[in-house]
Protein backbone atom coordinates (compact mmCIF):
# COMPACT_ATOMS: atom_id res chain seq x y z
CA UNK A 1 5.18 1.86 -24.50
CA UNK A 2 1.71 0.45 -24.74
CA UNK A 3 -1.67 2.00 -22.61
CA UNK A 4 -2.76 -0.26 -20.09
CA UNK A 5 -6.48 -2.06 -20.62
CA UNK A 6 -8.99 -2.42 -18.07
CA UNK A 7 -8.34 -6.20 -16.38
CA UNK A 8 -12.76 -6.96 -15.74
CA UNK A 9 -12.98 -9.08 -13.07
CA UNK A 10 -13.86 -12.32 -14.76
CA UNK A 11 -17.70 -14.13 -13.66
CA UNK A 12 -17.88 -10.61 -11.85
CA UNK A 13 -21.83 -10.88 -13.20
CA UNK A 14 -22.03 -14.29 -11.20
CA UNK A 15 -21.03 -12.41 -7.89
CA UNK A 16 -23.69 -9.60 -8.22
CA UNK A 17 -27.31 -8.80 -8.24
CA UNK A 18 -29.90 -9.01 -11.32
CA UNK A 19 -29.21 -5.59 -13.86
CA UNK A 20 -25.88 -4.40 -11.17
CA UNK A 21 -23.37 -2.81 -13.42
CA UNK A 22 -19.59 -1.70 -11.53
CA UNK A 23 -18.41 0.48 -15.03
CA UNK A 24 -19.55 3.31 -13.52
CA UNK A 25 -17.58 2.73 -10.63
CA UNK A 26 -14.59 1.18 -12.04
CA UNK A 27 -14.41 4.80 -14.23
CA UNK A 28 -15.10 6.87 -10.88
CA UNK A 29 -11.87 5.66 -9.39
CA UNK A 30 -9.92 5.63 -12.31
CA UNK A 31 -10.88 9.54 -13.03
CA UNK A 32 -11.07 10.76 -10.26
CA UNK A 33 -14.60 10.95 -9.22
CA UNK A 34 -14.97 10.58 -5.12
CA UNK A 35 -17.94 11.66 -4.55
CA UNK A 36 -19.61 8.95 -6.88
CA UNK A 37 -17.46 6.63 -5.56
CA UNK A 38 -18.25 7.30 -1.87
CA UNK A 39 -22.10 7.12 -3.57
CA UNK A 40 -22.18 3.86 -6.03
CA UNK A 41 -19.96 1.72 -2.61
CA UNK A 42 -22.91 2.97 -0.29
CA UNK A 43 -25.75 1.67 -3.44
CA UNK A 44 -23.69 -1.51 -3.93
CA UNK A 45 -23.82 -2.02 0.62
CA UNK A 46 -27.24 -1.50 0.38
CA UNK A 47 -28.27 -3.75 -2.42
CA UNK A 48 -26.25 -6.23 0.21
CA UNK A 49 -23.56 -7.20 -2.30
CA UNK A 50 -20.44 -8.86 -0.17
CA UNK A 51 -17.77 -6.22 0.68
CA UNK A 52 -14.97 -8.24 -0.13
CA UNK A 53 -17.14 -8.28 -3.58
CA UNK A 54 -17.11 -3.99 -4.00
CA UNK A 55 -13.74 -3.80 -3.12
CA UNK A 56 -12.36 -6.50 -5.52
CA UNK A 57 -14.64 -6.27 -8.48
CA UNK A 58 -16.37 -2.65 -8.21
CA UNK A 59 -12.62 -0.70 -6.10
CA UNK A 60 -9.73 -2.56 -8.15
CA UNK A 61 -9.88 -2.47 -11.12
CA UNK A 62 -9.78 1.39 -11.63
CA UNK A 63 -7.85 1.47 -9.43
CA UNK A 64 -5.41 -1.07 -10.76
CA UNK A 65 -5.30 0.47 -14.25
CA UNK A 66 -3.80 3.85 -12.75
CA UNK A 67 -1.80 1.83 -10.88
CA UNK A 68 -0.43 0.10 -14.53
CA UNK A 69 0.05 3.54 -16.01
CA UNK A 70 2.18 5.25 -13.09
CA UNK A 71 4.62 2.51 -13.04
CA UNK A 72 5.12 3.48 -17.02
CA UNK A 73 5.38 7.27 -16.67
CA UNK A 74 2.15 7.56 -18.14
CA UNK A 75 0.62 9.58 -15.71
CA UNK A 76 3.12 11.12 -12.72
CA UNK A 77 1.51 11.31 -8.75
CA UNK A 78 -0.78 14.60 -8.64
CA UNK A 79 -3.02 11.73 -10.80
CA UNK A 80 -2.62 9.03 -8.95
CA UNK A 81 -3.33 11.25 -5.71
CA UNK A 82 -6.66 11.61 -6.93
CA UNK A 83 -7.96 7.63 -7.79
CA UNK A 84 -6.22 6.72 -4.43
CA UNK A 85 -8.94 9.85 -3.49
CA UNK A 86 -11.75 7.75 -4.85
CA UNK A 87 -10.73 4.29 -3.85
CA UNK A 88 -9.78 5.70 -0.18
CA UNK A 89 -14.17 7.18 -0.29
CA UNK A 90 -15.27 3.49 -0.71
CA UNK A 91 -12.95 1.64 0.83
CA UNK A 92 -13.77 3.51 3.72
CA UNK A 93 -16.83 2.57 3.75
CA UNK A 94 -16.43 -1.38 3.64
CA UNK A 95 -13.02 -0.75 5.85
CA UNK A 96 -15.52 -1.52 8.89
CA UNK A 97 -18.60 -3.96 7.17
CA UNK A 98 -15.03 -6.67 6.40
CA UNK A 99 -14.12 -6.11 10.45
CA UNK A 100 -16.73 -7.04 11.57
CA UNK A 101 -16.71 -10.57 9.15
CA UNK A 102 -13.21 -10.51 11.15
CA UNK A 103 -11.23 -10.55 7.23
CA UNK A 104 -7.22 -9.92 8.74
CA UNK A 105 -5.60 -7.90 7.01
CA UNK A 106 -2.90 -9.57 4.65
CA UNK A 107 0.20 -8.16 7.28
CA UNK A 108 1.00 -5.16 9.19
CA UNK A 109 3.54 -2.81 7.75
CA UNK A 110 5.17 -0.36 9.70
CA UNK A 111 6.20 2.66 7.96
CA UNK A 112 8.22 5.49 8.01
CA UNK A 113 10.46 8.57 6.56
CA UNK A 114 14.21 7.88 8.21
CA UNK A 115 16.13 10.32 11.06
CA UNK A 116 16.29 13.74 9.53
CA UNK A 117 14.55 13.46 6.96
CA UNK A 118 11.01 15.75 6.56
CA UNK A 119 10.02 14.32 3.26
CA UNK A 120 6.55 12.20 3.45
CA UNK A 121 4.98 12.34 -0.11
CA UNK A 122 6.24 9.28 -2.16
CA UNK A 123 5.54 7.29 1.73
CA UNK A 124 2.45 8.47 1.89
CA UNK A 125 1.12 7.20 -1.95
CA UNK A 126 2.71 3.57 -0.27
CA UNK A 127 1.12 4.05 2.62
CA UNK A 128 -2.90 4.47 1.51
CA UNK A 129 -1.99 1.72 -0.96
CA UNK A 130 -0.43 -1.09 0.75
CA UNK A 131 -4.08 -0.21 2.89
CA UNK A 132 -5.70 -0.31 -0.51
CA UNK A 133 -4.10 -3.95 -0.61
CA UNK A 134 -5.54 -5.25 2.50
CA UNK A 135 -2.25 -4.44 5.15
CA UNK A 136 -2.60 -3.01 8.10
CA UNK A 137 -0.08 0.45 8.20
CA UNK A 138 1.08 2.09 11.32
CA UNK A 139 2.73 5.17 9.60
CA UNK A 140 4.88 7.02 11.46
CA UNK A 141 5.41 10.12 9.74
CA UNK A 142 9.12 11.62 9.32
CA UNK A 143 12.37 12.37 11.42
CA UNK A 144 11.88 8.97 12.63
CA UNK A 145 14.69 7.98 15.05
CA UNK A 146 15.39 4.20 14.69
CA UNK A 147 14.58 3.50 18.33
CA UNK A 148 11.24 4.78 17.19
CA UNK A 149 10.98 2.21 14.37
CA UNK A 150 11.58 -0.74 16.61
CA UNK A 151 9.84 0.42 19.49
CA UNK A 152 6.67 0.05 17.33
CA UNK A 153 7.68 -2.66 14.58
CA UNK A 154 7.88 -4.70 18.36
CA UNK A 155 4.78 -3.36 19.86
CA UNK A 156 2.78 -4.42 16.50
CA UNK A 157 4.18 -7.04 15.87
CA UNK A 158 5.00 -5.85 12.31
CA UNK A 159 5.13 -8.57 8.85
CA UNK A 160 7.62 -5.34 7.61
CA UNK A 161 9.31 -2.54 7.59
CA UNK A 162 9.27 0.11 4.94
CA UNK A 163 12.25 2.94 5.04
CA UNK A 164 11.66 6.14 3.22
CA UNK A 165 13.92 8.97 2.37
CA UNK A 166 14.33 11.66 -0.19
CA UNK A 167 17.76 13.49 0.67
CA UNK A 168 20.99 12.18 -0.15
CA UNK A 169 21.97 13.58 2.46
CA UNK A 170 19.70 11.07 4.72
CA UNK A 171 19.17 7.85 3.01
CA UNK A 172 22.27 6.98 5.55
CA UNK A 173 20.10 7.15 7.86
CA UNK A 174 18.59 3.42 5.88
CA UNK A 175 21.64 1.53 6.54
CA UNK A 176 21.32 2.28 10.11
CA UNK A 177 17.81 1.62 10.91
CA UNK A 178 18.67 -1.74 9.63
CA UNK A 179 21.44 -1.80 11.54
CA UNK A 180 19.77 -0.90 14.91
CA UNK A 181 16.94 -3.54 14.07
CA UNK A 182 20.16 -6.31 13.57
CA UNK A 183 21.49 -5.09 17.42
CA UNK A 184 17.94 -5.42 18.70
CA UNK A 185 17.58 -9.33 17.66
CA UNK A 186 14.96 -8.52 15.66
CA UNK A 187 16.43 -8.43 12.08
CA UNK A 188 15.06 -12.09 10.95
CA UNK A 189 11.70 -10.62 12.87
CA UNK A 190 10.42 -8.05 10.30
CA UNK A 191 10.82 -8.18 6.62
CA UNK A 192 12.45 -4.45 5.74
CA UNK A 193 12.02 -2.38 2.51
CA UNK A 194 13.58 1.13 1.40
CA UNK A 195 12.75 3.47 -0.83
CA UNK A 196 12.94 7.21 -1.90
CA UNK A 197 13.91 8.90 -5.13
CA UNK A 198 18.01 8.12 -3.89
CA UNK A 199 17.54 4.83 -4.12
CA UNK A 200 18.25 2.43 -6.44
CA UNK A 201 18.03 -1.27 -6.42
CA UNK A 202 21.55 -1.53 -5.42
CA UNK A 203 21.70 0.33 -2.83
CA UNK A 204 18.77 -1.95 -1.14
CA UNK A 205 21.51 -4.62 -1.38
CA UNK A 206 24.93 -2.89 -0.02
CA UNK A 207 22.06 -1.69 3.58
CA UNK A 208 20.36 -5.25 3.90
CA UNK A 209 17.25 -4.25 3.07
CA UNK A 210 14.92 -7.39 1.40
CA UNK A 211 13.79 -5.76 -0.87
CA UNK A 212 13.45 -2.23 -2.92
CA UNK A 213 10.71 -0.80 -5.30
CA UNK A 214 11.41 2.29 -8.03
CA UNK A 215 7.58 3.09 -7.42
CA UNK A 216 5.17 2.70 -4.92
CA UNK A 217 2.90 -0.24 -7.18
CA UNK A 218 6.49 -2.09 -7.41
CA UNK A 219 6.88 -1.36 -3.68
CA UNK A 220 3.01 -2.56 -3.56
CA UNK A 221 4.17 -5.66 -4.74
CA UNK A 222 6.50 -7.06 -3.27
CA UNK A 223 5.38 -6.50 -0.24
CA UNK A 224 2.45 -8.71 -1.12
CA UNK A 225 5.43 -11.13 -2.18
CA UNK A 226 7.87 -11.07 0.71
CA UNK A 227 5.02 -11.35 3.58
CA UNK A 228 4.24 -14.43 1.94
CA UNK A 229 8.06 -16.15 3.14
CA UNK A 230 8.61 -16.98 6.71
CA UNK A 231 10.84 -15.31 8.79
CA UNK A 232 11.08 -15.52 12.78
CA UNK A 233 8.68 -15.47 15.17
CA UNK A 234 8.41 -11.97 17.28
CA UNK A 235 8.25 -13.38 21.20
């Protein structure tokens, strides 16, 4: 297991005002200093730096190194949540600016924990990271009936749907929900991901999902790949 290193965006100096530095923001997001992440993002906006540059050059590097550590199990959920809070502090300031620039989301992702399961910590982390990656995420919470997943996916013309389950007694409802999408005639209109402690790639294959992530980082990377793949259009 090797310690991940900070990936500095190539050519960032050319996209920033003379004398500008991002290192303190990288450090703030990495260490979870949400107050500094907020104030430094405000300074970047006041300096008239492009919001997309703030996101890519300023916020993502510190977040990504922690995500790599999370994948390598060097850090765990508490540390990842602290970093995510700092990331969100900056993202909250630039998201309206990106919307005003007509920046389209990467895709629409409907997320929830399946029927009978009240656990949400895992899918909450995935939601945060999907939003940070540029997705429009509709989180339905816990104990979500298959009909609700289908209703919202249809209304939002979702690109992807994610089913979380923490209990071995509820993971079966991931398969049930996929079957209900099939019965409704919508299975080929969305890519479906499953996740949670009892799940594996074998289970994803068995229940008919399009993908499975061992952790939140891998789930987001998979979503970014799947959203590019063709599927049947919503009416």
